[in-house]
Amino acid sequence: PDEGVGAEVVEARTCEITFKEAQSTGEDDSRGAADDDSRKCMVCLEQFQAGDSLRILPCLHRYHRDCVVRWLSENRRCPICKHDITQ
């Protein structure tokens, strides 16, 4: 069974950052939907806002800190790629 992990594992296996809004270059923004997904938390589906606390998993996917801590307390795998964060 895929049991969750405790706060100490989350702390040891993930990295906390503060989201900063990307600088606009003034050029046409044609990156598409895949890049839009990198700007939102795939747990709550909300866009990241400047100043939000995020956690980056070993697979490099990032989520709001509180969302992913809650997720990982029940499931040790990344919500997107299913990577086991304990490995």
PDB file of N, CA and C in Angstrom:
ATOM      1  N   PRO A   1       0.825  -1.205   0.000  1.00  0.00           N
ATOM      2  CA  PRO A   1       0.000   0.000   0.000  1.00  0.00           C
ATOM      3  C   PRO A   1       0.862   1.259   0.000  1.00  0.00           C
ATOM      4  N   ASP A   2       0.373   2.298  -0.648  1.00  0.00           N
ATOM      5  CA  ASP A   2       1.084   3.575  -0.729  1.00  0.00           C
ATOM      6  C   ASP A   2       0.716   4.465   0.439  1.00  0.00           C
ATOM      7  N   GLU A   3       1.346   4.233   1.559  1.00  0.00           N
ATOM      8  CA  GLU A   3       1.068   5.051   2.733  1.00  0.00           C
ATOM      9  C   GLU A   3       1.787   6.383   2.611  1.00  0.00           C
ATOM     10  N   GLY A   4       1.281   7.365   3.318  1.00  0.00           N
ATOM     11  CA  GLY A   4       1.899   8.678   3.307  1.00  0.00           C
ATOM     12  C   GLY A   4       3.169   8.719   4.133  1.00  0.00           C
ATOM     13  N   VAL A   5       3.787   9.887   4.158  1.00  0.00           N
ATOM     14  CA  VAL A   5       5.019  10.090   4.912  1.00  0.00           C
ATOM     15  C   VAL A   5       4.809  11.225   5.911  1.00  0.00           C
ATOM     16  N   GLY A   6       5.653  11.242   6.929  1.00  0.00           N
ATOM     17  CA  GLY A   6       5.568  12.270   7.958  1.00  0.00           C
ATOM     18  C   GLY A   6       6.263  13.561   7.551  1.00  0.00           C
ATOM     19  N   ALA A   7       6.064  14.577   8.357  1.00  0.00           N
ATOM     20  CA  ALA A   7       6.626  15.900   8.080  1.00  0.00           C
ATOM     21  C   ALA A   7       8.150  15.863   7.972  1.00  0.00           C
ATOM     22  N   GLU A   8       8.803  15.001   8.766  1.00  0.00           N
ATOM     23  CA  GLU A   8      10.268  14.942   8.725  1.00  0.00           C
ATOM     24  C   GLU A   8      10.766  14.428   7.379  1.00  0.00           C
ATOM     25  N   VAL A   9      10.043  13.498   6.754  1.00  0.00           N
ATOM     26  CA  VAL A   9      10.424  12.988   5.430  1.00  0.00           C
ATOM     27  C   VAL A   9      10.182  14.065   4.375  1.00  0.00           C
ATOM     28  N   VAL A  10       9.051  14.738   4.469  1.00  0.00           N
ATOM     29  CA  VAL A  10       8.759  15.828   3.529  1.00  0.00           C
ATOM     30  C   VAL A  10       9.857  16.882   3.612  1.00  0.00           C
ATOM     31  N   GLU A  11      10.238  17.249   4.824  1.00  0.00           N
ATOM     32  CA  GLU A  11      11.280  18.263   5.030  1.00  0.00           C
ATOM     33  C   GLU A  11      12.618  17.812   4.436  1.00  0.00           C
ATOM     34  N   ALA A  12      12.965  16.543   4.641  1.00  0.00           N
ATOM     35  CA  ALA A  12      14.256  16.028   4.187  1.00  0.00           C
ATOM     36  C   ALA A  12      14.308  15.787   2.681  1.00  0.00           C
ATOM     37  N   ARG A  13      13.180  15.435   2.074  1.00  0.00           N
ATOM     38  CA  ARG A  13      13.176  15.003   0.672  1.00  0.00           C
ATOM     39  C   ARG A  13      12.653  16.051  -0.308  1.00  0.00           C
ATOM     40  N   THR A  14      12.237  17.210   0.193  1.00  0.00           N
ATOM     41  CA  THR A  14      11.741  18.267  -0.685  1.00  0.00           C
ATOM     42  C   THR A  14      12.447  19.576  -0.348  1.00  0.00           C
ATOM     43  N   CYS A  15      12.307  20.534  -1.228  1.00  0.00           N
ATOM     44  CA  CYS A  15      12.949  21.831  -1.054  1.00  0.00           C
ATOM     45  C   CYS A  15      11.876  22.918  -1.067  1.00  0.00           C
ATOM     46  N   GLU A  16      11.957  23.859  -0.129  1.00  0.00           N
ATOM     47  CA  GLU A  16      10.968  24.941  -0.084  1.00  0.00           C
ATOM     48  C   GLU A  16      11.503  26.181  -0.787  1.00  0.00           C
ATOM     49  N   ILE A  17      10.661  26.787  -1.618  1.00  0.00           N
ATOM     50  CA  ILE A  17      11.008  28.030  -2.307  1.00  0.00           C
ATOM     51  C   ILE A  17       9.836  29.000  -2.190  1.00  0.00           C
ATOM     52  N   THR A  18      10.102  30.253  -2.497  1.00  0.00           N
ATOM     53  CA  THR A  18       9.045  31.260  -2.600  1.00  0.00           C
ATOM     54  C   THR A  18       8.868  31.586  -4.072  1.00  0.00           C
ATOM     55  N   PHE A  19       7.637  31.459  -4.565  1.00  0.00           N
ATOM     56  CA  PHE A  19       7.361  31.708  -5.979  1.00  0.00           C
ATOM     57  C   PHE A  19       7.517  33.185  -6.286  1.00  0.00           C
ATOM     58  N   LYS A  20       8.234  33.469  -7.381  1.00  0.00           N
ATOM     59  CA  LYS A  20       8.372  34.836  -7.873  1.00  0.00           C
ATOM     60  C   LYS A  20       7.791  34.875  -9.277  1.00  0.00           C
ATOM     61  N   GLU A  21       7.006  35.897  -9.551  1.00  0.00           N
ATOM     62  CA  GLU A  21       6.406  36.043 -10.877  1.00  0.00           C
ATOM     63  C   GLU A  21       7.517  36.234 -11.907  1.00  0.00           C
ATOM     64  N   ALA A  22       7.417  35.526 -13.037  1.00  0.00           N
ATOM     65  CA  ALA A  22       8.420  35.640 -14.099  1.00  0.00           C
ATOM     66  C   ALA A  22       8.389  37.050 -14.686  1.00  0.00           C
ATOM     67  N   GLN A  23       9.545  37.536 -15.048  1.00  0.00           N
ATOM     68  CA  GLN A  23       9.631  38.844 -15.689  1.00  0.00           C
ATOM     69  C   GLN A  23       9.056  38.760 -17.100  1.00  0.00           C
ATOM     70  N   SER A  24       8.273  39.727 -17.482  1.00  0.00           N
ATOM     71  CA  SER A  24       7.726  39.771 -18.833  1.00  0.00           C
ATOM     72  C   SER A  24       8.792  40.315 -19.771  1.00  0.00           C
ATOM     73  N   THR A  25       8.983  39.634 -20.918  1.00  0.00           N
ATOM     74  CA  THR A  25       9.975  40.077 -21.892  1.00  0.00           C
ATOM     75  C   THR A  25       9.351  40.974 -22.943  1.00  0.00           C
ATOM     76  N   GLY A  26       8.021  41.056 -22.960  1.00  0.00           N
ATOM     77  CA  GLY A  26       7.348  41.846 -23.977  1.00  0.00           C
ATOM     78  C   GLY A  26       7.173  41.092 -25.278  1.00  0.00           C
ATOM     79  N   GLU A  27       7.725  39.889 -25.356  1.00  0.00           N
ATOM     80  CA  GLU A  27       7.599  39.085 -26.567  1.00  0.00           C
ATOM     81  C   GLU A  27       6.309  38.289 -26.528  1.00  0.00           C
ATOM     82  N   ASP A  28       5.921  37.766 -27.686  1.00  0.00           N
ATOM     83  CA  ASP A  28       4.714  36.954 -27.780  1.00  0.00           C
ATOM     84  C   ASP A  28       4.861  35.728 -26.894  1.00  0.00           C
ATOM     85  N   ASP A  29       3.860  35.479 -26.054  1.00  0.00           N
ATOM     86  CA  ASP A  29       3.884  34.333 -25.144  1.00  0.00           C
ATOM     87  C   ASP A  29       3.145  33.175 -25.791  1.00  0.00           C
ATOM     88  N   SER A  30       3.897  32.270 -26.418  1.00  0.00           N
ATOM     89  CA  SER A  30       3.266  31.167 -27.155  1.00  0.00           C
ATOM     90  C   SER A  30       3.692  29.820 -26.595  1.00  0.00           C
ATOM     91  N   ARG A  31       3.865  29.756 -25.279  1.00  0.00           N
ATOM     92  CA  ARG A  31       4.368  28.521 -24.673  1.00  0.00           C
ATOM     93  C   ARG A  31       3.330  27.422 -24.590  1.00  0.00           C
ATOM     94  N   GLY A  32       2.069  27.767 -24.497  1.00  0.00           N
ATOM     95  CA  GLY A  32       1.029  26.740 -24.526  1.00  0.00           C
ATOM     96  C   GLY A  32       0.654  26.186 -23.171  1.00  0.00           C
ATOM     97  N   ALA A  33      -0.232  25.193 -23.193  1.00  0.00           N
ATOM     98  CA  ALA A  33      -0.853  24.656 -21.983  1.00  0.00           C
ATOM     99  C   ALA A  33       0.144  23.955 -21.067  1.00  0.00           C
ATOM    100  N   ALA A  34       1.120  23.262 -21.623  1.00  0.00           N
ATOM    101  CA  ALA A  34       2.068  22.530 -20.777  1.00  0.00           C
ATOM    102  C   ALA A  34       2.796  23.489 -19.841  1.00  0.00           C
ATOM    103  N   ASP A  35       3.181  24.654 -20.342  1.00  0.00           N
ATOM    104  CA  ASP A  35       3.863  25.618 -19.492  1.00  0.00           C
ATOM    105  C   ASP A  35       2.899  26.226 -18.482  1.00  0.00           C
ATOM    106  N   ASP A  36       1.642  26.410 -18.868  1.00  0.00           N
ATOM    107  CA  ASP A  36       0.646  26.911 -17.927  1.00  0.00           C
ATOM    108  C   ASP A  36       0.553  25.983 -16.721  1.00  0.00           C
ATOM    109  N   ASP A  37       0.648  24.670 -16.938  1.00  0.00           N
ATOM    110  CA  ASP A  37       0.583  23.708 -15.842  1.00  0.00           C
ATOM    111  C   ASP A  37       1.749  23.882 -14.875  1.00  0.00           C
ATOM    112  N   SER A  38       2.902  24.364 -15.361  1.00  0.00           N
ATOM    113  CA  SER A  38       4.050  24.558 -14.475  1.00  0.00           C
ATOM    114  C   SER A  38       3.864  25.786 -13.590  1.00  0.00           C
ATOM    115  N   ARG A  39       2.846  26.586 -13.862  1.00  0.00           N
ATOM    116  CA  ARG A  39       2.578  27.796 -13.084  1.00  0.00           C
ATOM    117  C   ARG A  39       1.410  27.617 -12.127  1.00  0.00           C
ATOM    118  N   LYS A  40       0.924  26.379 -11.994  1.00  0.00           N
ATOM    119  CA  LYS A  40      -0.164  26.158 -11.041  1.00  0.00           C
ATOM    120  C   LYS A  40       0.070  24.882 -10.257  1.00  0.00           C
ATOM    121  N   CYS A  41      -0.523  24.840  -9.095  1.00  0.00           N
ATOM    122  CA  CYS A  41      -0.445  23.680  -8.217  1.00  0.00           C
ATOM    123  C   CYS A  41      -1.403  22.625  -8.754  1.00  0.00           C
ATOM    124  N   MET A  42      -0.892  21.449  -9.065  1.00  0.00           N
ATOM    125  CA  MET A  42      -1.735  20.401  -9.631  1.00  0.00           C
ATOM    126  C   MET A  42      -2.483  19.622  -8.549  1.00  0.00           C
ATOM    127  N   VAL A  43      -2.374  20.041  -7.293  1.00  0.00           N
ATOM    128  CA  VAL A  43      -3.208  19.476  -6.226  1.00  0.00           C
ATOM    129  C   VAL A  43      -4.493  20.298  -6.113  1.00  0.00           C
ATOM    130  N   CYS A  44      -4.354  21.619  -5.949  1.00  0.00           N
ATOM    131  CA  CYS A  44      -5.544  22.479  -5.792  1.00  0.00           C
ATOM    132  C   CYS A  44      -5.977  23.139  -7.096  1.00  0.00           C
ATOM    133  N   LEU A  45      -5.115  23.070  -8.121  1.00  0.00           N
ATOM    134  CA  LEU A  45      -5.365  23.640  -9.452  1.00  0.00           C
ATOM    135  C   LEU A  45      -5.408  25.166  -9.468  1.00  0.00           C
ATOM    136  N   GLU A  46      -4.861  25.803  -8.431  1.00  0.00           N
ATOM    137  CA  GLU A  46      -4.783  27.268  -8.389  1.00  0.00           C
ATOM    138  C   GLU A  46      -3.441  27.730  -8.961  1.00  0.00           C
ATOM    139  N   GLN A  47      -3.445  28.878  -9.641  1.00  0.00           N
ATOM    140  CA  GLN A  47      -2.211  29.474 -10.154  1.00  0.00           C
ATOM    141  C   GLN A  47      -1.315  29.864  -8.980  1.00  0.00           C
ATOM    142  N   PHE A  48       0.005  29.715  -9.173  1.00  0.00           N
ATOM    143  CA  PHE A  48       0.940  30.218  -8.179  1.00  0.00           C
ATOM    144  C   PHE A  48       0.922  31.743  -8.231  1.00  0.00           C
ATOM    145  N   GLN A  49       1.000  32.366  -7.064  1.00  0.00           N
ATOM    146  CA  GLN A  49       1.051  33.824  -6.953  1.00  0.00           C
ATOM    147  C   GLN A  49       2.390  34.217  -6.334  1.00  0.00           C
ATOM    148  N   ALA A  50       2.881  35.386  -6.700  1.00  0.00           N
ATOM    149  CA  ALA A  50       4.138  35.883  -6.132  1.00  0.00           C
ATOM    150  C   ALA A  50       4.049  35.834  -4.609  1.00  0.00           C
ATOM    151  N   GLY A  51       5.073  35.272  -3.989  1.00  0.00           N
ATOM    152  CA  GLY A  51       5.115  35.168  -2.534  1.00  0.00           C
ATOM    153  C   GLY A  51       4.606  33.847  -1.984  1.00  0.00           C
ATOM    154  N   ASP A  52       3.968  33.009  -2.827  1.00  0.00           N
ATOM    155  CA  ASP A  52       3.486  31.701  -2.368  1.00  0.00           C
ATOM    156  C   ASP A  52       4.659  30.814  -1.959  1.00  0.00           C
ATOM    157  N   SER A  53       4.493  30.064  -0.885  1.00  0.00           N
ATOM    158  CA  SER A  53       5.487  29.066  -0.471  1.00  0.00           C
ATOM    159  C   SER A  53       5.212  27.775  -1.227  1.00  0.00           C
ATOM    160  N   LEU A  54       6.227  27.293  -1.949  1.00  0.00           N
ATOM    161  CA  LEU A  54       6.110  26.059  -2.723  1.00  0.00           C
ATOM    162  C   LEU A  54       7.092  25.041  -2.184  1.00  0.00           C
ATOM    163  N   ARG A  55       6.811  23.764  -2.441  1.00  0.00           N
ATOM    164  CA  ARG A  55       7.773  22.703  -2.166  1.00  0.00           C
ATOM    165  C   ARG A  55       8.038  21.993  -3.479  1.00  0.00           C
ATOM    166  N   ILE A  56       9.328  21.727  -3.739  1.00  0.00           N
ATOM    167  CA  ILE A  56       9.754  21.024  -4.941  1.00  0.00           C
ATOM    168  C   ILE A  56      10.112  19.603  -4.540  1.00  0.00           C
ATOM    169  N   LEU A  57       9.501  18.633  -5.213  1.00  0.00           N
ATOM    170  CA  LEU A  57       9.763  17.219  -4.944  1.00  0.00           C
ATOM    171  C   LEU A  57      11.043  16.781  -5.651  1.00  0.00           C
ATOM    172  N   PRO A  58      11.597  15.611  -5.314  1.00  0.00           N
ATOM    173  CA  PRO A  58      12.816  15.124  -5.969  1.00  0.00           C
ATOM    174  C   PRO A  58      12.678  15.008  -7.493  1.00  0.00           C
ATOM    175  N   CYS A  59      11.462  14.806  -7.984  1.00  0.00           N
ATOM    176  CA  CYS A  59      11.203  14.708  -9.422  1.00  0.00           C
ATOM    177  C   CYS A  59      11.110  16.089 -10.076  1.00  0.00           C
ATOM    178  N   LEU A  60      11.254  17.147  -9.281  1.00  0.00           N
ATOM    179  CA  LEU A  60      11.242  18.549  -9.690  1.00  0.00           C
ATOM    180  C   LEU A  60       9.857  19.128  -9.949  1.00  0.00           C
ATOM    181  N   HIS A  61       8.802  18.386  -9.667  1.00  0.00           N
ATOM    182  CA  HIS A  61       7.460  18.968  -9.726  1.00  0.00           C
ATOM    183  C   HIS A  61       7.259  19.830  -8.490  1.00  0.00           C
ATOM    184  N   ARG A  62       6.524  20.921  -8.638  1.00  0.00           N
ATOM    185  CA  ARG A  62       6.337  21.850  -7.519  1.00  0.00           C
ATOM    186  C   ARG A  62       4.858  22.101  -7.254  1.00  0.00           C
ATOM    187  N   TYR A  63       4.583  22.324  -5.977  1.00  0.00           N
ATOM    188  CA  TYR A  63       3.208  22.478  -5.500  1.00  0.00           C
ATOM    189  C   TYR A  63       3.194  23.508  -4.382  1.00  0.00           C
ATOM    190  N   HIS A  64       2.013  24.052  -4.079  1.00  0.00           N
ATOM    191  CA  HIS A  64       1.891  24.860  -2.864  1.00  0.00           C
ATOM    192  C   HIS A  64       2.353  24.001  -1.685  1.00  0.00           C
ATOM    193  N   ARG A  65       3.074  24.601  -0.769  1.00  0.00           N
ATOM    194  CA  ARG A  65       3.604  23.865   0.387  1.00  0.00           C
ATOM    195  C   ARG A  65       2.494  23.121   1.131  1.00  0.00           C
ATOM    196  N   ASP A  66       1.442  23.824   1.508  1.00  0.00           N
ATOM    197  CA  ASP A  66       0.392  23.189   2.310  1.00  0.00           C
ATOM    198  C   ASP A  66      -0.329  22.086   1.542  1.00  0.00           C
ATOM    199  N   CYS A  67      -0.530  22.288   0.237  1.00  0.00           N
ATOM    200  CA  CYS A  67      -1.222  21.274  -0.581  1.00  0.00           C
ATOM    201  C   CYS A  67      -0.420  19.980  -0.635  1.00  0.00           C
ATOM    202  N   VAL A  68       0.884  20.100  -0.902  1.00  0.00           N
ATOM    203  CA  VAL A  68       1.678  18.882  -1.082  1.00  0.00           C
ATOM    204  C   VAL A  68       1.990  18.213   0.254  1.00  0.00           C
ATOM    205  N   VAL A  69       2.101  18.981   1.325  1.00  0.00           N
ATOM    206  CA  VAL A  69       2.295  18.364   2.646  1.00  0.00           C
ATOM    207  C   VAL A  69       1.070  17.519   2.991  1.00  0.00           C
ATOM    208  N   ARG A  70      -0.105  18.067   2.734  1.00  0.00           N
ATOM    209  CA  ARG A  70      -1.352  17.320   2.985  1.00  0.00           C
ATOM    210  C   ARG A  70      -1.415  16.072   2.089  1.00  0.00           C
ATOM    211  N   TRP A  71      -1.073  16.229   0.797  1.00  0.00           N
ATOM    212  CA  TRP A  71      -1.074  15.100  -0.143  1.00  0.00           C
ATOM    213  C   TRP A  71      -0.113  14.007   0.332  1.00  0.00           C
ATOM    214  N   LEU A  72       1.115  14.411   0.677  1.00  0.00           N
ATOM    215  CA  LEU A  72       2.138  13.430   1.050  1.00  0.00           C
ATOM    216  C   LEU A  72       1.859  12.774   2.399  1.00  0.00           C
ATOM    217  N   SER A  73       1.010  13.362   3.207  1.00  0.00           N
ATOM    218  CA  SER A  73       0.643  12.715   4.468  1.00  0.00           C
ATOM    219  C   SER A  73      -0.230  11.487   4.211  1.00  0.00           C
ATOM    220  N   GLU A  74      -0.797  11.406   3.012  1.00  0.00           N
ATOM    221  CA  GLU A  74      -1.651  10.267   2.656  1.00  0.00           C
ATOM    222  C   GLU A  74      -1.080   9.395   1.547  1.00  0.00           C
ATOM    223  N   ASN A  75      -0.155   9.950   0.740  1.00  0.00           N
ATOM    224  CA  ASN A  75       0.378   9.233  -0.411  1.00  0.00           C
ATOM    225  C   ASN A  75       1.805   9.695  -0.661  1.00  0.00           C
ATOM    226  N   ARG A  76       2.749   8.769  -0.693  1.00  0.00           N
ATOM    227  CA  ARG A  76       4.161   9.139  -0.826  1.00  0.00           C
ATOM    228  C   ARG A  76       4.595   9.412  -2.263  1.00  0.00           C
ATOM    229  N   ARG A  77       3.670   9.368  -3.217  1.00  0.00           N
ATOM    230  CA  ARG A  77       4.016   9.558  -4.627  1.00  0.00           C
ATOM    231  C   ARG A  77       3.619  10.935  -5.154  1.00  0.00           C
ATOM    232  N   CYS A  78       4.424  11.446  -6.075  1.00  0.00           N
ATOM    233  CA  CYS A  78       4.128  12.719  -6.735  1.00  0.00           C
ATOM    234  C   CYS A  78       2.766  12.627  -7.426  1.00  0.00           C
ATOM    235  N   PRO A  79       1.908  13.632  -7.253  1.00  0.00           N
ATOM    236  CA  PRO A  79       0.593  13.603  -7.904  1.00  0.00           C
ATOM    237  C   PRO A  79       0.663  13.566  -9.431  1.00  0.00           C
ATOM    238  N   ILE A  80       1.749  14.069 -10.018  1.00  0.00           N
ATOM    239  CA  ILE A  80       1.856  14.119 -11.481  1.00  0.00           C
ATOM    240  C   ILE A  80       2.516  12.868 -12.045  1.00  0.00           C
ATOM    241  N   CYS A  81       3.739  12.568 -11.603  1.00  0.00           N
ATOM    242  CA  CYS A  81       4.511  11.493 -12.251  1.00  0.00           C
ATOM    243  C   CYS A  81       4.569  10.205 -11.436  1.00  0.00           C
ATOM    244  N   LYS A  82       4.011  10.215 -10.226  1.00  0.00           N
ATOM    245  CA  LYS A  82       3.944   9.034  -9.349  1.00  0.00           C
ATOM    246  C   LYS A  82       5.302   8.594  -8.804  1.00  0.00           C
ATOM    247  N   HIS A  83       6.311   9.463  -8.873  1.00  0.00           N
ATOM    248  CA  HIS A  83       7.619   9.153  -8.289  1.00  0.00           C
ATOM    249  C   HIS A  83       7.476   9.027  -6.771  1.00  0.00           C
ATOM    250  N   ASP A  84       8.038   7.969  -6.209  1.00  0.00           N
ATOM    251  CA  ASP A  84       8.024   7.749  -4.757  1.00  0.00           C
ATOM    252  C   ASP A  84       9.064   8.672  -4.130  1.00  0.00           C
ATOM    253  N   ILE A  85       8.638   9.619  -3.297  1.00  0.00           N
ATOM    254  CA  ILE A  85       9.592  10.596  -2.768  1.00  0.00           C
ATOM    255  C   ILE A  85      10.568   9.992  -1.766  1.00  0.00           C
ATOM    256  N   THR A  86      10.329   8.768  -1.320  1.00  0.00           N
ATOM    257  CA  THR A  86      11.261   8.141  -0.376  1.00  0.00           C
ATOM    258  C   THR A  86      12.415   7.451  -1.093  1.00  0.00           C
ATOM    259  N   GLN A  87      12.391   7.419  -2.406  1.00  0.00           N
ATOM    260  CA  GLN A  87      13.460   6.743  -3.163  1.00  0.00           C
ATOM    261  C   GLN A  87      14.414   7.733  -3.784  1.00  0.00           C
TER     262      GLN A  87
END
